Amino acid sequence: MLKSSIAAIAISSIAVLSTAPAFAGTQEDVSTCRAALAEDGRLNMDNYRLGFEGKKGNRVRTLTLEAVSSNNSPNYKVKCTIERSSVTNLELTELN
């Protein structure tokens, strides 16, 4: 019983640790997209928070985010393409 409990804890720990670097990279990508959106000027990022929806790719990554307004402005779906730490494309679609 004790051995199986220790094994279960060890396996759970490995699973959690193996996802940490991927999560850190995704957080960096979200921050990169947020900075690009602020620079772009179509959205005042002081009034929006970004919700992560998905990520595709490795070298060229496309993040799907939702820009959620804090002041009753329209919400947007954002597609942000990143290549070599730089945003190469930003697409905004207004959500109803």
PDB file of N, CA and C in Angstrom:
ATOM      1  N   MET A   1       0.828  -1.190   0.000  1.00  0.00           N
ATOM      2  CA  MET A   1       0.000   0.000   0.000  1.00  0.00           C
ATOM      3  C   MET A   1       0.874   1.256   0.000  1.00  0.00           C
ATOM      4  N   LEU A   2       1.885   1.297   0.857  1.00  0.00           N
ATOM      5  CA  LEU A   2       2.759   2.459   0.947  1.00  0.00           C
ATOM      6  C   LEU A   2       3.535   2.652  -0.349  1.00  0.00           C
ATOM      7  N   LYS A   3       4.040   1.541  -0.933  1.00  0.00           N
ATOM      8  CA  LYS A   3       4.790   1.650  -2.186  1.00  0.00           C
ATOM      9  C   LYS A   3       3.922   2.189  -3.307  1.00  0.00           C
ATOM     10  N   SER A   4       2.682   1.754  -3.404  1.00  0.00           N
ATOM     11  CA  SER A   4       1.813   2.238  -4.480  1.00  0.00           C
ATOM     12  C   SER A   4       1.465   3.715  -4.275  1.00  0.00           C
ATOM     13  N   SER A   5       1.344   4.152  -3.025  1.00  0.00           N
ATOM     14  CA  SER A   5       1.069   5.563  -2.754  1.00  0.00           C
ATOM     15  C   SER A   5       2.263   6.429  -3.131  1.00  0.00           C
ATOM     16  N   ILE A   6       3.452   5.974  -2.805  1.00  0.00           N
ATOM     17  CA  ILE A   6       4.664   6.710  -3.143  1.00  0.00           C
ATOM     18  C   ILE A   6       4.828   6.767  -4.660  1.00  0.00           C
ATOM     19  N   ALA A   7       4.564   5.660  -5.331  1.00  0.00           N
ATOM     20  CA  ALA A   7       4.670   5.628  -6.790  1.00  0.00           C
ATOM     21  C   ALA A   7       3.675   6.593  -7.426  1.00  0.00           C
ATOM     22  N   ALA A   8       2.467   6.639  -6.906  1.00  0.00           N
ATOM     23  CA  ALA A   8       1.442   7.544  -7.443  1.00  0.00           C
ATOM     24  C   ALA A   8       1.848   9.002  -7.263  1.00  0.00           C
ATOM     25  N   ILE A   9       2.409   9.324  -6.109  1.00  0.00           N
ATOM     26  CA  ILE A   9       2.872  10.691  -5.853  1.00  0.00           C
ATOM     27  C   ILE A   9       4.020  11.040  -6.781  1.00  0.00           C
ATOM     28  N   ALA A  10       4.945  10.121  -6.973  1.00  0.00           N
ATOM     29  CA  ALA A  10       6.087  10.362  -7.856  1.00  0.00           C
ATOM     30  C   ALA A  10       5.627  10.607  -9.289  1.00  0.00           C
ATOM     31  N   ILE A  11       4.705   9.813  -9.764  1.00  0.00           N
ATOM     32  CA  ILE A  11       4.199   9.972 -11.130  1.00  0.00           C
ATOM     33  C   ILE A  11       3.457  11.301 -11.270  1.00  0.00           C
ATOM     34  N   SER A  12       2.667  11.669 -10.270  1.00  0.00           N
ATOM     35  CA  SER A  12       1.957  12.949 -10.300  1.00  0.00           C
ATOM     36  C   SER A  12       2.944  14.116 -10.332  1.00  0.00           C
ATOM     37  N   SER A  13       4.015  14.020  -9.564  1.00  0.00           N
ATOM     38  CA  SER A  13       5.027  15.076  -9.519  1.00  0.00           C
ATOM     39  C   SER A  13       5.714  15.233 -10.861  1.00  0.00           C
ATOM     40  N   ILE A  14       6.031  14.117 -11.500  1.00  0.00           N
ATOM     41  CA  ILE A  14       6.678  14.163 -12.808  1.00  0.00           C
ATOM     42  C   ILE A  14       5.747  14.814 -13.821  1.00  0.00           C
ATOM     43  N   ALA A  15       4.482  14.477 -13.800  1.00  0.00           N
ATOM     44  CA  ALA A  15       3.517  15.050 -14.736  1.00  0.00           C
ATOM     45  C   ALA A  15       3.416  16.558 -14.548  1.00  0.00           C
ATOM     46  N   VAL A  16       3.373  17.027 -13.318  1.00  0.00           N
ATOM     47  CA  VAL A  16       3.272  18.457 -13.043  1.00  0.00           C
ATOM     48  C   VAL A  16       4.540  19.175 -13.477  1.00  0.00           C
ATOM     49  N   LEU A  17       5.704  18.619 -13.176  1.00  0.00           N
ATOM     50  CA  LEU A  17       6.965  19.255 -13.531  1.00  0.00           C
ATOM     51  C   LEU A  17       7.186  19.296 -15.040  1.00  0.00           C
ATOM     52  N   SER A  18       6.710  18.298 -15.753  1.00  0.00           N
ATOM     53  CA  SER A  18       6.936  18.279 -17.194  1.00  0.00           C
ATOM     54  C   SER A  18       6.087  19.321 -17.918  1.00  0.00           C
ATOM     55  N   THR A  19       4.988  19.777 -17.343  1.00  0.00           N
ATOM     56  CA  THR A  19       4.161  20.800 -17.986  1.00  0.00           C
ATOM     57  C   THR A  19       4.602  22.213 -17.621  1.00  0.00           C
ATOM     58  N   ALA A  20       5.392  22.395 -16.606  1.00  0.00           N
ATOM     59  CA  ALA A  20       5.788  23.729 -16.167  1.00  0.00           C
ATOM     60  C   ALA A  20       6.537  24.516 -17.237  1.00  0.00           C
ATOM     61  N   PRO A  21       7.557  23.966 -17.935  1.00  0.00           N
ATOM     62  CA  PRO A  21       8.248  24.755 -18.952  1.00  0.00           C
ATOM     63  C   PRO A  21       7.334  25.165 -20.106  1.00  0.00           C
ATOM     64  N   ALA A  22       6.433  24.301 -20.528  1.00  0.00           N
ATOM     65  CA  ALA A  22       5.519  24.640 -21.616  1.00  0.00           C
ATOM     66  C   ALA A  22       4.607  25.786 -21.199  1.00  0.00           C
ATOM     67  N   PHE A  23       4.122  25.761 -19.972  1.00  0.00           N
ATOM     68  CA  PHE A  23       3.262  26.822 -19.464  1.00  0.00           C
ATOM     69  C   PHE A  23       4.027  28.145 -19.409  1.00  0.00           C
ATOM     70  N   ALA A  24       5.287  28.093 -18.983  1.00  0.00           N
ATOM     71  CA  ALA A  24       6.095  29.312 -18.907  1.00  0.00           C
ATOM     72  C   ALA A  24       6.283  29.914 -20.291  1.00  0.00           C
ATOM     73  N   GLY A  25       6.527  29.075 -21.304  1.00  0.00           N
ATOM     74  CA  GLY A  25       6.674  29.558 -22.670  1.00  0.00           C
ATOM     75  C   GLY A  25       5.391  30.173 -23.184  1.00  0.00           C
ATOM     76  N   THR A  26       4.263  29.574 -22.858  1.00  0.00           N
ATOM     77  CA  THR A  26       2.971  30.110 -23.276  1.00  0.00           C
ATOM     78  C   THR A  26       2.719  31.459 -22.621  1.00  0.00           C
ATOM     79  N   GLN A  27       3.054  31.593 -21.351  1.00  0.00           N
ATOM     80  CA  GLN A  27       2.881  32.867 -20.664  1.00  0.00           C
ATOM     81  C   GLN A  27       3.737  33.959 -21.314  1.00  0.00           C
ATOM     82  N   GLU A  28       4.953  33.607 -21.706  1.00  0.00           N
ATOM     83  CA  GLU A  28       5.816  34.573 -22.404  1.00  0.00           C
ATOM     84  C   GLU A  28       5.183  34.984 -23.728  1.00  0.00           C
ATOM     85  N   ASP A  29       4.617  34.024 -24.451  1.00  0.00           N
ATOM     86  CA  ASP A  29       3.966  34.324 -25.726  1.00  0.00           C
ATOM     87  C   ASP A  29       2.749  35.227 -25.530  1.00  0.00           C
ATOM     88  N   VAL A  30       1.964  34.981 -24.496  1.00  0.00           N
ATOM     89  CA  VAL A  30       0.806  35.837 -24.206  1.00  0.00           C
ATOM     90  C   VAL A  30       1.283  37.255 -23.898  1.00  0.00           C
ATOM     91  N   SER A  31       2.352  37.388 -23.136  1.00  0.00           N
ATOM     92  CA  SER A  31       2.908  38.714 -22.825  1.00  0.00           C
ATOM     93  C   SER A  31       3.404  39.414 -24.087  1.00  0.00           C
ATOM     94  N   THR A  32       4.024  38.647 -24.985  1.00  0.00           N
ATOM     95  CA  THR A  32       4.498  39.201 -26.255  1.00  0.00           C
ATOM     96  C   THR A  32       3.320  39.706 -27.082  1.00  0.00           C
ATOM     97  N   CYS A  33       2.235  38.935 -27.125  1.00  0.00           N
ATOM     98  CA  CYS A  33       1.034  39.349 -27.868  1.00  0.00           C
ATOM     99  C   CYS A  33       0.411  40.584 -27.237  1.00  0.00           C
ATOM    100  N   ARG A  34       0.363  40.624 -25.920  1.00  0.00           N
ATOM    101  CA  ARG A  34      -0.214  41.783 -25.222  1.00  0.00           C
ATOM    102  C   ARG A  34       0.573  43.053 -25.561  1.00  0.00           C
ATOM    103  N   ALA A  35       1.889  42.960 -25.559  1.00  0.00           N
ATOM    104  CA  ALA A  35       2.725  44.117 -25.897  1.00  0.00           C
ATOM    105  C   ALA A  35       2.495  44.549 -27.348  1.00  0.00           C
ATOM    106  N   ALA A  36       2.350  43.585 -28.244  1.00  0.00           N
ATOM    107  CA  ALA A  36       2.091  43.912 -29.652  1.00  0.00           C
ATOM    108  C   ALA A  36       0.733  44.576 -29.825  1.00  0.00           C
ATOM    109  N   LEU A  37      -0.272  44.101 -29.077  1.00  0.00           N
ATOM    110  CA  LEU A  37      -1.592  44.719 -29.140  1.00  0.00           C
ATOM    111  C   LEU A  37      -1.549  46.158 -28.624  1.00  0.00           C
ATOM    112  N   ALA A  38      -0.812  46.399 -27.563  1.00  0.00           N
ATOM    113  CA  ALA A  38      -0.683  47.746 -27.015  1.00  0.00           C
ATOM    114  C   ALA A  38      -0.001  48.667 -28.023  1.00  0.00           C
ATOM    115  N   GLU A  39       1.027  48.162 -28.679  1.00  0.00           N
ATOM    116  CA  GLU A  39       1.751  48.944 -29.679  1.00  0.00           C
ATOM    117  C   GLU A  39       0.894  49.190 -30.927  1.00  0.00           C
ATOM    118  N   ASP A  40       0.098  48.197 -31.290  1.00  0.00           N
ATOM    119  CA  ASP A  40      -0.777  48.280 -32.461  1.00  0.00           C
ATOM    120  C   ASP A  40      -1.769  49.436 -32.340  1.00  0.00           C
ATOM    121  N   GLY A  41      -2.310  49.643 -31.148  1.00  0.00           N
ATOM    122  CA  GLY A  41      -3.173  50.786 -30.893  1.00  0.00           C
ATOM    123  C   GLY A  41      -4.654  50.600 -31.184  1.00  0.00           C
ATOM    124  N   ARG A  42      -5.054  49.468 -31.769  1.00  0.00           N
ATOM    125  CA  ARG A  42      -6.483  49.267 -32.035  1.00  0.00           C
ATOM    126  C   ARG A  42      -7.265  49.048 -30.742  1.00  0.00           C
ATOM    127  N   LEU A  43      -6.621  48.483 -29.738  1.00  0.00           N
ATOM    128  CA  LEU A  43      -7.246  48.264 -28.430  1.00  0.00           C
ATOM    129  C   LEU A  43      -6.434  48.979 -27.361  1.00  0.00           C
ATOM    130  N   ASN A  44      -7.130  49.643 -26.446  1.00  0.00           N
ATOM    131  CA  ASN A  44      -6.458  50.223 -25.289  1.00  0.00           C
ATOM    132  C   ASN A  44      -6.299  49.101 -24.261  1.00  0.00           C
ATOM    133  N   MET A  45      -5.118  48.552 -24.150  1.00  0.00           N
ATOM    134  CA  MET A  45      -4.900  47.370 -23.315  1.00  0.00           C
ATOM    135  C   MET A  45      -5.047  47.653 -21.827  1.00  0.00           C
ATOM    136  N   ASP A  46      -5.178  48.918 -21.450  1.00  0.00           N
ATOM    137  CA  ASP A  46      -5.499  49.233 -20.050  1.00  0.00           C
ATOM    138  C   ASP A  46      -6.919  48.792 -19.722  1.00  0.00           C
ATOM    139  N   ASN A  47      -7.761  48.649 -20.757  1.00  0.00           N
ATOM    140  CA  ASN A  47      -9.163  48.309 -20.555  1.00  0.00           C
ATOM    141  C   ASN A  47      -9.493  46.858 -20.918  1.00  0.00           C
ATOM    142  N   TYR A  48      -8.490  46.060 -21.221  1.00  0.00           N
ATOM    143  CA  TYR A  48      -8.717  44.674 -21.625  1.00  0.00           C
ATOM    144  C   TYR A  48      -7.817  43.718 -20.856  1.00  0.00           C
ATOM    145  N   ARG A  49      -8.375  42.536 -20.598  1.00  0.00           N
ATOM    146  CA  ARG A  49      -7.558  41.425 -20.108  1.00  0.00           C
ATOM    147  C   ARG A  49      -7.598  40.364 -21.189  1.00  0.00           C
ATOM    148  N   LEU A  50      -6.545  39.563 -21.273  1.00  0.00           N
ATOM    149  CA  LEU A  50      -6.476  38.522 -22.287  1.00  0.00           C
ATOM    150  C   LEU A  50      -6.751  37.164 -21.669  1.00  0.00           C
ATOM    151  N   GLY A  51      -7.680  36.441 -22.272  1.00  0.00           N
ATOM    152  CA  GLY A  51      -7.968  35.069 -21.869  1.00  0.00           C
ATOM    153  C   GLY A  51      -7.368  34.123 -22.897  1.00  0.00           C
ATOM    154  N   PHE A  52      -6.587  33.165 -22.444  1.00  0.00           N
ATOM    155  CA  PHE A  52      -5.938  32.210 -23.339  1.00  0.00           C
ATOM    156  C   PHE A  52      -6.942  31.167 -23.792  1.00  0.00           C
ATOM    157  N   GLU A  53      -6.994  30.909 -25.109  1.00  0.00           N
ATOM    158  CA  GLU A  53      -7.892  29.890 -25.640  1.00  0.00           C
ATOM    159  C   GLU A  53      -7.145  28.731 -26.284  1.00  0.00           C
ATOM    160  N   GLY A  54      -6.006  28.983 -26.921  1.00  0.00           N
ATOM    161  CA  GLY A  54      -5.284  27.886 -27.554  1.00  0.00           C
ATOM    162  C   GLY A  54      -3.986  28.341 -28.190  1.00  0.00           C
ATOM    163  N   LYS A  55      -3.150  27.334 -28.505  1.00  0.00           N
ATOM    164  CA  LYS A  55      -1.846  27.602 -29.101  1.00  0.00           C
ATOM    165  C   LYS A  55      -1.536  26.484 -30.075  1.00  0.00           C
ATOM    166  N   LYS A  56      -1.037  26.855 -31.259  1.00  0.00           N
ATOM    167  CA  LYS A  56      -0.631  25.872 -32.260  1.00  0.00           C
ATOM    168  C   LYS A  56       0.762  26.213 -32.734  1.00  0.00           C
ATOM    169  N   GLY A  57       1.537  25.173 -33.033  1.00  0.00           N
ATOM    170  CA  GLY A  57       2.851  25.362 -33.628  1.00  0.00           C
ATOM    171  C   GLY A  57       3.968  25.417 -32.608  1.00  0.00           C
ATOM    172  N   ASN A  58       5.189  25.350 -33.132  1.00  0.00           N
ATOM    173  CA  ASN A  58       6.393  25.414 -32.305  1.00  0.00           C
ATOM    174  C   ASN A  58       7.271  26.583 -32.715  1.00  0.00           C
ATOM    175  N   ARG A  59       7.914  26.479 -33.873  1.00  0.00           N
ATOM    176  CA  ARG A  59       8.785  27.574 -34.305  1.00  0.00           C
ATOM    177  C   ARG A  59       7.957  28.797 -34.673  1.00  0.00           C
ATOM    178  N   VAL A  60       6.892  28.582 -35.423  1.00  0.00           N
ATOM    179  CA  VAL A  60       5.921  29.633 -35.703  1.00  0.00           C
ATOM    180  C   VAL A  60       4.671  29.269 -34.912  1.00  0.00           C
ATOM    181  N   ARG A  61       4.360  30.100 -33.912  1.00  0.00           N
ATOM    182  CA  ARG A  61       3.255  29.801 -33.007  1.00  0.00           C
ATOM    183  C   ARG A  61       2.090  30.748 -33.257  1.00  0.00           C
ATOM    184  N   THR A  62       0.888  30.198 -33.239  1.00  0.00           N
ATOM    185  CA  THR A  62      -0.321  31.011 -33.352  1.00  0.00           C
ATOM    186  C   THR A  62      -1.130  30.834 -32.077  1.00  0.00           C
ATOM    187  N   LEU A  63      -1.307  31.928 -31.361  1.00  0.00           N
ATOM    188  CA  LEU A  63      -2.099  31.920 -30.139  1.00  0.00           C
ATOM    189  C   LEU A  63      -3.481  32.466 -30.448  1.00  0.00           C
ATOM    190  N   THR A  64      -4.481  31.827 -29.882  1.00  0.00           N
ATOM    191  CA  THR A  64      -5.845  32.329 -29.947  1.00  0.00           C
ATOM    192  C   THR A  64      -6.187  32.829 -28.542  1.00  0.00           C
ATOM    193  N   LEU A  65      -6.566  34.094 -28.475  1.00  0.00           N
ATOM    194  CA  LEU A  65      -6.846  34.750 -27.204  1.00  0.00           C
ATOM    195  C   LEU A  65      -8.197  35.446 -27.293  1.00  0.00           C
ATOM    196  N   GLU A  66      -8.776  35.738 -26.150  1.00  0.00           N
ATOM    197  CA  GLU A  66      -9.971  36.565 -26.116  1.00  0.00           C
ATOM    198  C   GLU A  66      -9.642  37.821 -25.314  1.00  0.00           C
ATOM    199  N   ALA A  67      -9.833  38.978 -25.946  1.00  0.00           N
ATOM    200  CA  ALA A  67      -9.636  40.259 -25.275  1.00  0.00           C
ATOM    201  C   ALA A  67     -10.976  40.649 -24.657  1.00  0.00           C
ATOM    202  N   VAL A  68     -11.026  40.622 -23.335  1.00  0.00           N
ATOM    203  CA  VAL A  68     -12.262  40.871 -22.603  1.00  0.00           C
ATOM    204  C   VAL A  68     -12.206  42.271 -21.994  1.00  0.00           C
ATOM    205  N   SER A  69     -13.205  43.070 -22.334  1.00  0.00           N
ATOM    206  CA  SER A  69     -13.267  44.463 -21.905  1.00  0.00           C
ATOM    207  C   SER A  69     -13.654  44.579 -20.433  1.00  0.00           C
ATOM    208  N   SER A  70     -13.077  45.573 -19.787  1.00  0.00           N
ATOM    209  CA  SER A  70     -13.445  45.853 -18.397  1.00  0.00           C
ATOM    210  C   SER A  70     -14.376  47.063 -18.300  1.00  0.00           C
ATOM    211  N   ASN A  71     -14.707  47.661 -19.452  1.00  0.00           N
ATOM    212  CA  ASN A  71     -15.544  48.872 -19.416  1.00  0.00           C
ATOM    213  C   ASN A  71     -16.671  48.847 -20.456  1.00  0.00           C
ATOM    214  N   ASN A  72     -17.255  47.677 -20.675  1.00  0.00           N
ATOM    215  CA  ASN A  72     -18.403  47.512 -21.580  1.00  0.00           C
ATOM    216  C   ASN A  72     -18.096  47.805 -23.050  1.00  0.00           C
ATOM    217  N   SER A  73     -16.834  47.845 -23.432  1.00  0.00           N
ATOM    218  CA  SER A  73     -16.460  47.925 -24.842  1.00  0.00           C
ATOM    219  C   SER A  73     -16.617  46.535 -25.442  1.00  0.00           C
ATOM    220  N   PRO A  74     -16.599  46.428 -26.767  1.00  0.00           N
ATOM    221  CA  PRO A  74     -16.726  45.097 -27.381  1.00  0.00           C
ATOM    222  C   PRO A  74     -15.558  44.181 -27.005  1.00  0.00           C
ATOM    223  N   ASN A  75     -15.839  42.891 -26.925  1.00  0.00           N
ATOM    224  CA  ASN A  75     -14.799  41.891 -26.729  1.00  0.00           C
ATOM    225  C   ASN A  75     -14.311  41.443 -28.101  1.00  0.00           C
ATOM    226  N   TYR A  76     -13.075  40.940 -28.152  1.00  0.00           N
ATOM    227  CA  TYR A  76     -12.479  40.542 -29.420  1.00  0.00           C
ATOM    228  C   TYR A  76     -11.828  39.173 -29.315  1.00  0.00           C
ATOM    229  N   LYS A  77     -11.867  38.440 -30.417  1.00  0.00           N
ATOM    230  CA  LYS A  77     -11.048  37.236 -30.571  1.00  0.00           C
ATOM    231  C   LYS A  77      -9.764  37.713 -31.237  1.00  0.00           C
ATOM    232  N   VAL A  78      -8.643  37.291 -30.686  1.00  0.00           N
ATOM    233  CA  VAL A  78      -7.344  37.731 -31.185  1.00  0.00           C
ATOM    234  C   VAL A  78      -6.555  36.511 -31.643  1.00  0.00           C
ATOM    235  N   LYS A  79      -6.033  36.571 -32.857  1.00  0.00           N
ATOM    236  CA  LYS A  79      -5.084  35.565 -33.337  1.00  0.00           C
ATOM    237  C   LYS A  79      -3.748  36.274 -33.476  1.00  0.00           C
ATOM    238  N   CYS A  80      -2.768  35.766 -32.772  1.00  0.00           N
ATOM    239  CA  CYS A  80      -1.457  36.380 -32.697  1.00  0.00           C
ATOM    240  C   CYS A  80      -0.426  35.357 -33.168  1.00  0.00           C
ATOM    241  N   THR A  81       0.302  35.683 -34.226  1.00  0.00           N
ATOM    242  CA  THR A  81       1.322  34.775 -34.755  1.00  0.00           C
ATOM    243  C   THR A  81       2.693  35.286 -34.342  1.00  0.00           C
ATOM    244  N   ILE A  82       3.491  34.379 -33.759  1.00  0.00           N
ATOM    245  CA  ILE A  82       4.822  34.725 -33.253  1.00  0.00           C
ATOM    246  C   ILE A  82       5.851  33.851 -33.957  1.00  0.00           C
ATOM    247  N   GLU A  83       6.881  34.498 -34.458  1.00  0.00           N
ATOM    248  CA  GLU A  83       8.006  33.777 -35.054  1.00  0.00           C
ATOM    249  C   GLU A  83       9.290  34.399 -34.525  1.00  0.00           C
ATOM    250  N   ARG A  84      10.135  33.563 -33.943  1.00  0.00           N
ATOM    251  CA  ARG A  84      11.418  34.025 -33.381  1.00  0.00           C
ATOM    252  C   ARG A  84      11.233  35.193 -32.415  1.00  0.00           C
ATOM    253  N   SER A  85      10.318  35.060 -31.498  1.00  0.00           N
ATOM    254  CA  SER A  85      10.059  36.036 -30.428  1.00  0.00           C
ATOM    255  C   SER A  85       9.461  37.352 -30.907  1.00  0.00           C
ATOM    256  N   SER A  86       9.049  37.422 -32.181  1.00  0.00           N
ATOM    257  CA  SER A  86       8.428  38.634 -32.697  1.00  0.00           C
ATOM    258  C   SER A  86       7.045  38.321 -33.244  1.00  0.00           C
ATOM    259  N   VAL A  87       6.109  39.227 -33.010  1.00  0.00           N
ATOM    260  CA  VAL A  87       4.767  39.062 -33.552  1.00  0.00           C
ATOM    261  C   VAL A  87       4.805  39.445 -35.031  1.00  0.00           C
ATOM    262  N   THR A  88       4.375  38.507 -35.874  1.00  0.00           N
ATOM    263  CA  THR A  88       4.379  38.732 -37.315  1.00  0.00           C
ATOM    264  C   THR A  88       2.983  39.034 -37.852  1.00  0.00           C
ATOM    265  N   ASN A  89       1.934  38.723 -37.089  1.00  0.00           N
ATOM    266  CA  ASN A  89       0.564  38.971 -37.550  1.00  0.00           C
ATOM    267  C   ASN A  89      -0.382  39.075 -36.352  1.00  0.00           C
ATOM    268  N   LEU A  90      -1.279  40.044 -36.419  1.00  0.00           N
ATOM    269  CA  LEU A  90      -2.338  40.209 -35.406  1.00  0.00           C
ATOM    270  C   LEU A  90      -3.667  40.317 -36.141  1.00  0.00           C
ATOM    271  N   GLU A  91      -4.614  39.455 -35.769  1.00  0.00           N
ATOM    272  CA  GLU A  91      -5.960  39.515 -36.330  1.00  0.00           C
ATOM    273  C   GLU A  91      -6.943  39.711 -35.189  1.00  0.00           C
ATOM    274  N   LEU A  92      -7.815  40.702 -35.336  1.00  0.00           N
ATOM    275  CA  LEU A  92      -8.843  40.977 -34.333  1.00  0.00           C
ATOM    276  C   LEU A  92     -10.210  40.783 -34.971  1.00  0.00           C
ATOM    277  N   THR A  93     -11.067  40.039 -34.295  1.00  0.00           N
ATOM    278  CA  THR A  93     -12.436  39.846 -34.728  1.00  0.00           C
ATOM    279  C   THR A  93     -13.355  40.210 -33.571  1.00  0.00           C
ATOM    280  N   GLU A  94     -14.259  41.152 -33.813  1.00  0.00           N
ATOM    281  CA  GLU A  94     -15.182  41.563 -32.751  1.00  0.00           C
ATOM    282  C   GLU A  94     -16.171  40.440 -32.462  1.00  0.00           C
ATOM    283  N   LEU A  95     -16.370  40.169 -31.181  1.00  0.00           N
ATOM    284  CA  LEU A  95     -17.345  39.160 -30.755  1.00  0.00           C
ATOM    285  C   LEU A  95     -18.663  39.833 -30.433  1.00  0.00           C
ATOM    286  N   ASN A  96     -19.753  39.178 -30.721  1.00  0.00           N
ATOM    287  CA  ASN A  96     -21.073  39.749 -30.448  1.00  0.00           C
ATOM    288  C   ASN A  96     -21.491  39.469 -29.028  1.00  0.00           C
TER     289      ASN A  96
END
